[in-house]
Amino acid sequence: MFLSLAALLFSLSDIPVAPAEAVPLPDGLITQRLVAGTGTEKPVAGDLLVVRYALWRPNGTVEKIEAPRKAKITLAQMLPGWREAAMMMVVGEKRRAWVPHTLGAGKIPEGQSYVIDTELVELYHAPETPADLTAPPSDATRTESGLAYKVLRAGTGTEHPKRHSTVTVHYTGWTGDGHIFDSTVLRGEPAELSLDGVIKGWTEGLQLMIAGEKTRFWIPAKLAYGNERGKPQGMLVFDIELVGIK
């Protein structure tokens, strides 16, 4: 799914045509590196990419993000052909891809292609999935409410948030099957929230932390979303870094 941007209408002749030096791949994708990158790591499944891009549709319409504007997008949100090309890139690289309809997830008319220019500006790797998602380990601390936690990194502050405090946090949340359902790490920026406006497990758990601390919480359903429709079910695991307290 592409971001909603002001579209500029180009004639069909303005759509870039694959030159001889572009590389055709067995699945029909054609790609060409336009500018070499400065990074060393390539995106892998689950990563968040910060990109600038231009996309030409078969009818000649181009959707564009121009400097200094950037888009944040996960590999999973990209068309299969775009994703394949992006996974060849490193930070700083610019690459053009000719994506056939067979790699367009049904969004490209049969027999036609999209042309996508991408500049990979930043790369955020998905946090590593904890091995102890289904139950707290034996060295975790348990509270009377059923919340369990383990400090992953000691903090540098001295003050604890209060029940009505506003805090800045980085976090990632997993369901018991290892699915990341929310992550500020993947969004590339921390969240600011009030402790009286979050799930009970967060309200209790964050009051145990100090600034700079990173803690893993095992939050039972009764302290999370219970049976609320459309919300993650069962026990949830959160890695939370308390960035600051207001």
C-alpha atoms as a PDB file:
ATOM      1  CA  MET A   1       0.000   0.000   0.000  1.00  0.00           C
ATOM      2  CA  PHE A   2       1.498   3.326  -1.072  1.00  0.00           C
ATOM      3  CA  LEU A   3       1.350   6.536   0.895  1.00  0.00           C
ATOM      4  CA  SER A   4      -1.254   9.065  -0.218  1.00  0.00           C
ATOM      5  CA  LEU A   5       0.722  11.843  -1.958  1.00  0.00           C
ATOM      6  CA  ALA A   6      -0.031  14.564  -4.485  1.00  0.00           C
ATOM      7  CA  ALA A   7       0.284  12.876  -7.877  1.00  0.00           C
ATOM      8  CA  LEU A   8       1.864  14.450 -10.950  1.00  0.00           C
ATOM      9  CA  LEU A   9       0.651  13.357 -14.385  1.00  0.00           C
ATOM     10  CA  PHE A  10       3.397  12.374 -16.799  1.00  0.00           C
ATOM     11  CA  SER A  11       3.001  11.129 -20.355  1.00  0.00           C
ATOM     12  CA  LEU A  12       3.695   7.471 -21.032  1.00  0.00           C
ATOM     13  CA  SER A  13       6.943   8.450 -22.743  1.00  0.00           C
ATOM     14  CA  ASP A  14       8.237   9.762 -19.417  1.00  0.00           C
ATOM     15  CA  ILE A  15       8.160   6.314 -17.802  1.00  0.00           C
ATOM     16  CA  PRO A  16      11.781   5.117 -17.543  1.00  0.00           C
ATOM     17  CA  VAL A  17      12.552   2.252 -19.916  1.00  0.00           C
ATOM     18  CA  ALA A  18      14.921  -0.496 -18.770  1.00  0.00           C
ATOM     19  CA  PRO A  19      18.370   0.120 -20.332  1.00  0.00           C
ATOM     20  CA  ALA A  20      20.726  -2.619 -21.463  1.00  0.00           C
ATOM     21  CA  GLU A  21      22.772  -2.376 -18.256  1.00  0.00           C
ATOM     22  CA  ALA A  22      19.754  -3.093 -16.027  1.00  0.00           C
ATOM     23  CA  VAL A  23      19.774  -6.612 -14.567  1.00  0.00           C
ATOM     24  CA  PRO A  24      16.829  -8.951 -15.363  1.00  0.00           C
ATOM     25  CA  LEU A  25      16.066 -11.583 -12.728  1.00  0.00           C
ATOM     26  CA  PRO A  26      14.454 -15.002 -13.259  1.00  0.00           C
ATOM     27  CA  ASP A  27      11.132 -13.950 -11.685  1.00  0.00           C
ATOM     28  CA  GLY A  28      10.681 -11.059 -14.126  1.00  0.00           C
ATOM     29  CA  LEU A  29      11.983  -8.214 -11.958  1.00  0.00           C
ATOM     30  CA  ILE A  30      14.460  -5.859 -13.633  1.00  0.00           C
ATOM     31  CA  THR A  31      16.629  -3.656 -11.452  1.00  0.00           C
ATOM     32  CA  GLN A  32      19.450  -1.154 -11.772  1.00  0.00           C
ATOM     33  CA  ARG A  33      21.580   0.510  -9.106  1.00  0.00           C
ATOM     34  CA  LEU A  34      21.630   4.241  -9.780  1.00  0.00           C
ATOM     35  CA  VAL A  35      23.845   5.393  -6.877  1.00  0.00           C
ATOM     36  CA  ALA A  36      26.076   3.272  -4.647  1.00  0.00           C
ATOM     37  CA  GLY A  37      25.296   3.288  -0.937  1.00  0.00           C
ATOM     38  CA  THR A  38      27.436   3.932   2.112  1.00  0.00           C
ATOM     39  CA  GLY A  39      25.960   1.267   4.395  1.00  0.00           C
ATOM     40  CA  THR A  40      26.895  -2.387   4.751  1.00  0.00           C
ATOM     41  CA  GLU A  41      23.669  -4.065   5.918  1.00  0.00           C
ATOM     42  CA  LYS A  42      20.738  -4.985   3.699  1.00  0.00           C
ATOM     43  CA  PRO A  43      17.095  -5.105   4.844  1.00  0.00           C
ATOM     44  CA  VAL A  44      15.684  -8.410   6.072  1.00  0.00           C
ATOM     45  CA  ALA A  45      12.150  -9.532   6.897  1.00  0.00           C
ATOM     46  CA  GLY A  46      10.534  -7.434   9.626  1.00  0.00           C
ATOM     47  CA  ASP A  47      12.730  -4.363   9.098  1.00  0.00           C
ATOM     48  CA  LEU A  48      11.482  -0.788   8.819  1.00  0.00           C
ATOM     49  CA  LEU A  49      12.868   1.280   5.949  1.00  0.00           C
ATOM     50  CA  VAL A  50      13.005   5.058   5.690  1.00  0.00           C
ATOM     51  CA  VAL A  51      12.930   5.857   1.993  1.00  0.00           C
ATOM     52  CA  ARG A  52      12.432   8.500  -0.643  1.00  0.00           C
ATOM     53  CA  TYR A  53      10.786   7.084  -3.725  1.00  0.00           C
ATOM     54  CA  ALA A  54       9.097   7.797  -7.039  1.00  0.00           C
ATOM     55  CA  LEU A  55       6.614   5.364  -8.536  1.00  0.00           C
ATOM     56  CA  TRP A  56       5.492   5.410 -12.148  1.00  0.00           C
ATOM     57  CA  ARG A  57       2.206   3.652 -12.839  1.00  0.00           C
ATOM     58  CA  PRO A  58       1.446   2.072 -16.235  1.00  0.00           C
ATOM     59  CA  ASN A  59      -0.884   4.981 -17.131  1.00  0.00           C
ATOM     60  CA  GLY A  60       1.982   7.458 -16.766  1.00  0.00           C
ATOM     61  CA  THR A  61       1.068   8.777 -13.327  1.00  0.00           C
ATOM     62  CA  VAL A  62       3.962   9.259 -10.942  1.00  0.00           C
ATOM     63  CA  GLU A  63       3.691   9.444  -7.158  1.00  0.00           C
ATOM     64  CA  LYS A  64       6.685  11.132  -5.618  1.00  0.00           C
ATOM     65  CA  ILE A  65       8.350  11.853  -2.297  1.00  0.00           C
ATOM     66  CA  GLU A  66      10.927  14.596  -2.743  1.00  0.00           C
ATOM     67  CA  ALA A  67      13.729  15.689  -0.422  1.00  0.00           C
ATOM     68  CA  PRO A  68      13.608  16.358   2.423  1.00  0.00           C
ATOM     69  CA  ARG A  69      10.365  14.357   2.786  1.00  0.00           C
ATOM     70  CA  LYS A  70      10.707  10.690   3.690  1.00  0.00           C
ATOM     71  CA  ALA A  71       8.382   7.717   4.074  1.00  0.00           C
ATOM     72  CA  LYS A  72       8.559   4.959   6.676  1.00  0.00           C
ATOM     73  CA  ILE A  73       7.538   1.577   5.355  1.00  0.00           C
ATOM     74  CA  THR A  74       8.108  -2.050   6.313  1.00  0.00           C
ATOM     75  CA  LEU A  75       9.164  -4.654   3.796  1.00  0.00           C
ATOM     76  CA  ALA A  76       5.828  -6.382   4.336  1.00  0.00           C
ATOM     77  CA  GLN A  77       3.971  -3.278   3.100  1.00  0.00           C
ATOM     78  CA  MET A  78       5.818  -3.198  -0.219  1.00  0.00           C
ATOM     79  CA  LEU A  79       4.716  -4.855  -3.436  1.00  0.00           C
ATOM     80  CA  PRO A  80       6.614  -8.165  -3.796  1.00  0.00           C
ATOM     81  CA  GLY A  81       8.815  -6.847  -6.608  1.00  0.00           C
ATOM     82  CA  TRP A  82       9.578  -3.606  -4.791  1.00  0.00           C
ATOM     83  CA  ARG A  83      10.418  -5.591  -1.677  1.00  0.00           C
ATOM     84  CA  GLU A  84      12.776  -7.834  -3.622  1.00  0.00           C
ATOM     85  CA  ALA A  85      14.625  -4.828  -5.028  1.00  0.00           C
ATOM     86  CA  ALA A  86      14.748  -3.081  -1.640  1.00  0.00           C
ATOM     87  CA  MET A  87      16.345  -6.147  -0.049  1.00  0.00           C
ATOM     88  CA  MET A  88      19.302  -5.716  -2.422  1.00  0.00           C
ATOM     89  CA  MET A  89      20.028  -2.221  -1.118  1.00  0.00           C
ATOM     90  CA  VAL A  90      22.183  -0.651   1.591  1.00  0.00           C
ATOM     91  CA  VAL A  91      21.712   2.732   3.256  1.00  0.00           C
ATOM     92  CA  GLY A  92      22.538   5.590   0.904  1.00  0.00           C
ATOM     93  CA  GLU A  93      21.855   3.557  -2.210  1.00  0.00           C
ATOM     94  CA  LYS A  94      19.467   4.588  -4.980  1.00  0.00           C
ATOM     95  CA  ARG A  95      17.958   1.841  -7.127  1.00  0.00           C
ATOM     96  CA  ARG A  96      15.402   1.612  -9.934  1.00  0.00           C
ATOM     97  CA  ALA A  97      13.122  -1.405 -10.317  1.00  0.00           C
ATOM     98  CA  TRP A  98      10.798  -2.443 -13.131  1.00  0.00           C
ATOM     99  CA  VAL A  99       8.141  -4.518 -11.350  1.00  0.00           C
ATOM    100  CA  PRO A 100       6.005  -6.810 -13.569  1.00  0.00           C
ATOM    101  CA  HIS A 101       2.364  -7.573 -12.818  1.00  0.00           C
ATOM    102  CA  THR A 102       3.380 -11.041 -11.599  1.00  0.00           C
ATOM    103  CA  LEU A 103       5.186  -9.344  -8.673  1.00  0.00           C
ATOM    104  CA  GLY A 104       2.531  -6.684  -8.106  1.00  0.00           C
ATOM    105  CA  ALA A 105       0.177  -8.464  -5.688  1.00  0.00           C
ATOM    106  CA  GLY A 106      -2.751  -7.854  -8.058  1.00  0.00           C
ATOM    107  CA  LYS A 107      -2.209  -4.070  -8.187  1.00  0.00           C
ATOM    108  CA  ILE A 108      -0.504  -3.956 -11.584  1.00  0.00           C
ATOM    109  CA  PRO A 109      -2.498  -4.617 -14.791  1.00  0.00           C
ATOM    110  CA  GLU A 110      -1.582  -7.847 -16.563  1.00  0.00           C
ATOM    111  CA  GLY A 111       1.235  -7.435 -19.053  1.00  0.00           C
ATOM    112  CA  GLN A 112       2.333  -4.083 -17.599  1.00  0.00           C
ATOM    113  CA  SER A 113       4.919  -2.902 -15.055  1.00  0.00           C
ATOM    114  CA  TYR A 114       5.440  -0.306 -12.357  1.00  0.00           C
ATOM    115  CA  VAL A 115       8.743   1.544 -12.274  1.00  0.00           C
ATOM    116  CA  ILE A 116       9.949   2.451  -8.789  1.00  0.00           C
ATOM    117  CA  ASP A 117      12.959   4.583  -7.858  1.00  0.00           C
ATOM    118  CA  THR A 118      14.018   4.106  -4.239  1.00  0.00           C
ATOM    119  CA  GLU A 119      16.597   5.814  -2.045  1.00  0.00           C
ATOM    120  CA  LEU A 120      17.239   3.940   1.195  1.00  0.00           C
ATOM    121  CA  VAL A 121      17.784   6.692   3.782  1.00  0.00           C
ATOM    122  CA  GLU A 122      17.694   4.742   7.056  1.00  0.00           C
ATOM    123  CA  LEU A 123      17.219   1.151   8.167  1.00  0.00           C
ATOM    124  CA  TYR A 124      15.741  -0.124  11.442  1.00  0.00           C
ATOM    125  CA  HIS A 125      16.072  -3.824  12.204  1.00  0.00           C
ATOM    126  CA  ALA A 126      13.180  -5.587  13.886  1.00  0.00           C
ATOM    127  CA  PRO A 127      13.901  -6.358  17.553  1.00  0.00           C
ATOM    128  CA  GLU A 128      14.940  -9.933  18.255  1.00  0.00           C
ATOM    129  CA  THR A 129      12.026 -12.094  19.388  1.00  0.00           C
ATOM    130  CA  PRO A 130      12.426 -13.215  23.017  1.00  0.00           C
ATOM    131  CA  ALA A 131      12.822 -16.943  23.614  1.00  0.00           C
ATOM    132  CA  ASP A 132      10.550 -16.854  26.681  1.00  0.00           C
ATOM    133  CA  LEU A 133       7.282 -15.628  25.195  1.00  0.00           C
ATOM    134  CA  THR A 134       4.960 -18.250  26.646  1.00  0.00           C
ATOM    135  CA  ALA A 135       5.944 -17.917  30.314  1.00  0.00           C
ATOM    136  CA  PRO A 136       8.194 -15.752  32.493  1.00  0.00           C
ATOM    137  CA  PRO A 137      11.606 -17.278  33.283  1.00  0.00           C
ATOM    138  CA  SER A 138      12.441 -18.455  36.790  1.00  0.00           C
ATOM    139  CA  ASP A 139      14.505 -15.334  37.523  1.00  0.00           C
ATOM    140  CA  ALA A 140      11.664 -12.925  36.679  1.00  0.00           C
ATOM    141  CA  THR A 141      10.077 -10.935  39.526  1.00  0.00           C
ATOM    142  CA  ARG A 142       6.349 -11.420  40.045  1.00  0.00           C
ATOM    143  CA  THR A 143       3.912  -8.986  41.619  1.00  0.00           C
ATOM    144  CA  GLU A 144       0.658  -9.737  43.449  1.00  0.00           C
ATOM    145  CA  SER A 145      -1.377  -8.733  40.402  1.00  0.00           C
ATOM    146  CA  GLY A 146       0.225 -11.414  38.217  1.00  0.00           C
ATOM    147  CA  LEU A 147       2.608  -9.071  36.388  1.00  0.00           C
ATOM    148  CA  ALA A 148       6.110 -10.485  35.851  1.00  0.00           C
ATOM    149  CA  TYR A 149       9.198  -8.529  34.856  1.00  0.00           C
ATOM    150  CA  LYS A 150      12.951  -8.700  34.384  1.00  0.00           C
ATOM    151  CA  VAL A 151      15.326  -5.735  34.055  1.00  0.00           C
ATOM    152  CA  LEU A 152      17.325  -6.038  30.846  1.00  0.00           C
ATOM    153  CA  ARG A 153      19.355  -2.862  31.327  1.00  0.00           C
ATOM    154  CA  ALA A 154      19.766  -0.822  34.485  1.00  0.00           C
ATOM    155  CA  GLY A 155      18.608   2.787  34.401  1.00  0.00           C
ATOM    156  CA  THR A 156      20.477   5.966  35.210  1.00  0.00           C
ATOM    157  CA  GLY A 157      17.647   7.979  36.800  1.00  0.00           C
ATOM    158  CA  THR A 158      16.463   8.075  40.404  1.00  0.00           C
ATOM    159  CA  GLU A 159      12.793   8.987  40.028  1.00  0.00           C
ATOM    160  CA  HIS A 160       9.920   6.585  39.294  1.00  0.00           C
ATOM    161  CA  PRO A 161       6.873   7.641  37.252  1.00  0.00           C
ATOM    162  CA  LYS A 162       3.636   8.117  39.178  1.00  0.00           C
ATOM    163  CA  ARG A 163       0.221   6.794  38.220  1.00  0.00           C
ATOM    164  CA  HIS A 164      -0.704   9.955  36.315  1.00  0.00           C
ATOM    165  CA  SER A 165       2.763  10.741  34.909  1.00  0.00           C
ATOM    166  CA  THR A 166       3.441  11.315  31.231  1.00  0.00           C
ATOM    167  CA  VAL A 167       6.395   9.267  29.989  1.00  0.00           C
ATOM    168  CA  THR A 168       8.435   8.858  26.820  1.00  0.00           C
ATOM    169  CA  VAL A 169       9.132   5.236  25.931  1.00  0.00           C
ATOM    170  CA  HIS A 170      10.490   2.950  23.277  1.00  0.00           C
ATOM    171  CA  TYR A 171       8.778  -0.430  23.235  1.00  0.00           C
ATOM    172  CA  THR A 172       8.024  -3.596  21.311  1.00  0.00           C
ATOM    173  CA  GLY A 173       5.105  -5.907  22.038  1.00  0.00           C
ATOM    174  CA  TRP A 174       4.806  -9.597  21.117  1.00  0.00           C
ATOM    175  CA  THR A 175       1.963 -12.095  21.265  1.00  0.00           C
ATOM    176  CA  GLY A 176       2.653 -15.609  22.496  1.00  0.00           C
ATOM    177  CA  ASP A 177       3.209 -16.910  18.963  1.00  0.00           C
ATOM    178  CA  GLY A 178       6.076 -14.456  18.381  1.00  0.00           C
ATOM    179  CA  HIS A 179       4.157 -11.876  16.343  1.00  0.00           C
ATOM    180  CA  ILE A 180       5.188  -8.225  16.823  1.00  0.00           C
ATOM    181  CA  PHE A 181       1.901  -6.333  17.050  1.00  0.00           C
ATOM    182  CA  ASP A 182       3.323  -2.903  17.916  1.00  0.00           C
ATOM    183  CA  SER A 183       6.789  -1.363  18.074  1.00  0.00           C
ATOM    184  CA  THR A 184       8.096   2.175  18.354  1.00  0.00           C
ATOM    185  CA  VAL A 185      11.479   0.744  17.377  1.00  0.00           C
ATOM    186  CA  LEU A 186      10.068  -0.157  13.965  1.00  0.00           C
ATOM    187  CA  ARG A 187       8.409   3.236  13.675  1.00  0.00           C
ATOM    188  CA  GLY A 188      11.751   4.878  14.362  1.00  0.00           C
ATOM    189  CA  GLU A 189      10.574   7.225  17.110  1.00  0.00           C
ATOM    190  CA  PRO A 190       9.567   6.929  20.791  1.00  0.00           C
ATOM    191  CA  ALA A 191       6.009   7.373  22.052  1.00  0.00           C
ATOM    192  CA  GLU A 192       4.747   9.821  24.659  1.00  0.00           C
ATOM    193  CA  LEU A 193       1.847   8.599  26.773  1.00  0.00           C
ATOM    194  CA  SER A 194       0.103   8.997  30.099  1.00  0.00           C
ATOM    195  CA  LEU A 195       0.170   6.115  32.545  1.00  0.00           C
ATOM    196  CA  ASP A 196      -3.525   6.516  33.297  1.00  0.00           C
ATOM    197  CA  GLY A 197      -4.363   5.924  29.635  1.00  0.00           C
ATOM    198  CA  VAL A 198      -2.669   2.561  29.021  1.00  0.00           C
ATOM    199  CA  ILE A 199      -3.348  -1.075  29.923  1.00  0.00           C
ATOM    200  CA  LYS A 200      -3.152  -1.999  33.608  1.00  0.00           C
ATOM    201  CA  GLY A 201       0.092  -3.942  33.185  1.00  0.00           C
ATOM    202  CA  TRP A 202       1.787  -0.857  31.786  1.00  0.00           C
ATOM    203  CA  THR A 203       0.420   1.430  34.492  1.00  0.00           C
ATOM    204  CA  GLU A 204       1.803  -0.874  37.166  1.00  0.00           C
ATOM    205  CA  GLY A 205       5.020  -1.851  35.415  1.00  0.00           C
ATOM    206  CA  LEU A 206       6.240   1.575  34.384  1.00  0.00           C
ATOM    207  CA  GLN A 207       5.935   2.831  37.950  1.00  0.00           C
ATOM    208  CA  LEU A 208       8.638   0.284  38.835  1.00  0.00           C
ATOM    209  CA  MET A 209      11.108   1.750  36.329  1.00  0.00           C
ATOM    210  CA  ILE A 210      13.554   4.644  36.281  1.00  0.00           C
ATOM    211  CA  ALA A 211      14.773   6.669  33.292  1.00  0.00           C
ATOM    212  CA  GLY A 212      17.224   4.811  31.089  1.00  0.00           C
ATOM    213  CA  GLU A 213      15.994   1.418  32.247  1.00  0.00           C
ATOM    214  CA  LYS A 214      14.915  -1.299  29.817  1.00  0.00           C
ATOM    215  CA  THR A 215      12.665  -4.002  31.197  1.00  0.00           C
ATOM    216  CA  ARG A 216      10.814  -7.012  29.818  1.00  0.00           C
ATOM    217  CA  PHE A 217       7.255  -7.484  31.081  1.00  0.00           C
ATOM    218  CA  TRP A 218       5.026 -10.541  30.895  1.00  0.00           C
ATOM    219  CA  ILE A 219       1.502  -9.156  31.131  1.00  0.00           C
ATOM    220  CA  PRO A 220      -1.389 -11.597  31.644  1.00  0.00           C
ATOM    221  CA  ALA A 221      -4.591 -11.027  29.669  1.00  0.00           C
ATOM    222  CA  LYS A 222      -6.429  -9.613  32.705  1.00  0.00           C
ATOM    223  CA  LEU A 223      -3.839  -6.802  32.876  1.00  0.00           C
ATOM    224  CA  ALA A 224      -3.755  -6.355  29.088  1.00  0.00           C
ATOM    225  CA  TYR A 225      -6.736  -6.405  26.734  1.00  0.00           C
ATOM    226  CA  GLY A 226      -8.755  -9.313  28.127  1.00  0.00           C
ATOM    227  CA  ASN A 227     -11.269 -10.386  25.472  1.00  0.00           C
ATOM    228  CA  GLU A 228     -11.482  -6.956  23.817  1.00  0.00           C
ATOM    229  CA  ARG A 229     -12.281  -7.421  20.142  1.00  0.00           C
ATOM    230  CA  GLY A 230      -9.577  -6.407  17.691  1.00  0.00           C
ATOM    231  CA  LYS A 231      -6.851  -6.355  20.354  1.00  0.00           C
ATOM    232  CA  PRO A 232      -4.001  -8.832  20.944  1.00  0.00           C
ATOM    233  CA  GLN A 233      -5.212 -11.730  23.068  1.00  0.00           C
ATOM    234  CA  GLY A 234      -3.656 -13.748  25.861  1.00  0.00           C
ATOM    235  CA  MET A 235      -0.473 -12.960  27.724  1.00  0.00           C
ATOM    236  CA  LEU A 236       1.624 -10.278  26.052  1.00  0.00           C
ATOM    237  CA  VAL A 237       5.349  -9.660  26.313  1.00  0.00           C
ATOM    238  CA  PHE A 238       6.707  -6.114  26.132  1.00  0.00           C
ATOM    239  CA  ASP A 239      10.254  -4.812  26.082  1.00  0.00           C
ATOM    240  CA  ILE A 240      10.000  -1.220  27.364  1.00  0.00           C
ATOM    241  CA  GLU A 241      12.732   1.383  27.568  1.00  0.00           C
ATOM    242  CA  LEU A 242      11.830   4.372  29.749  1.00  0.00           C
ATOM    243  CA  VAL A 243      13.376   7.296  27.882  1.00  0.00           C
ATOM    244  CA  GLY A 244      12.099  10.052  30.165  1.00  0.00           C
ATOM    245  CA  ILE A 245       9.466  11.257  32.637  1.00  0.00           C
ATOM    246  CA  LYS A 246       7.572  14.543  32.399  1.00  0.00           C
END
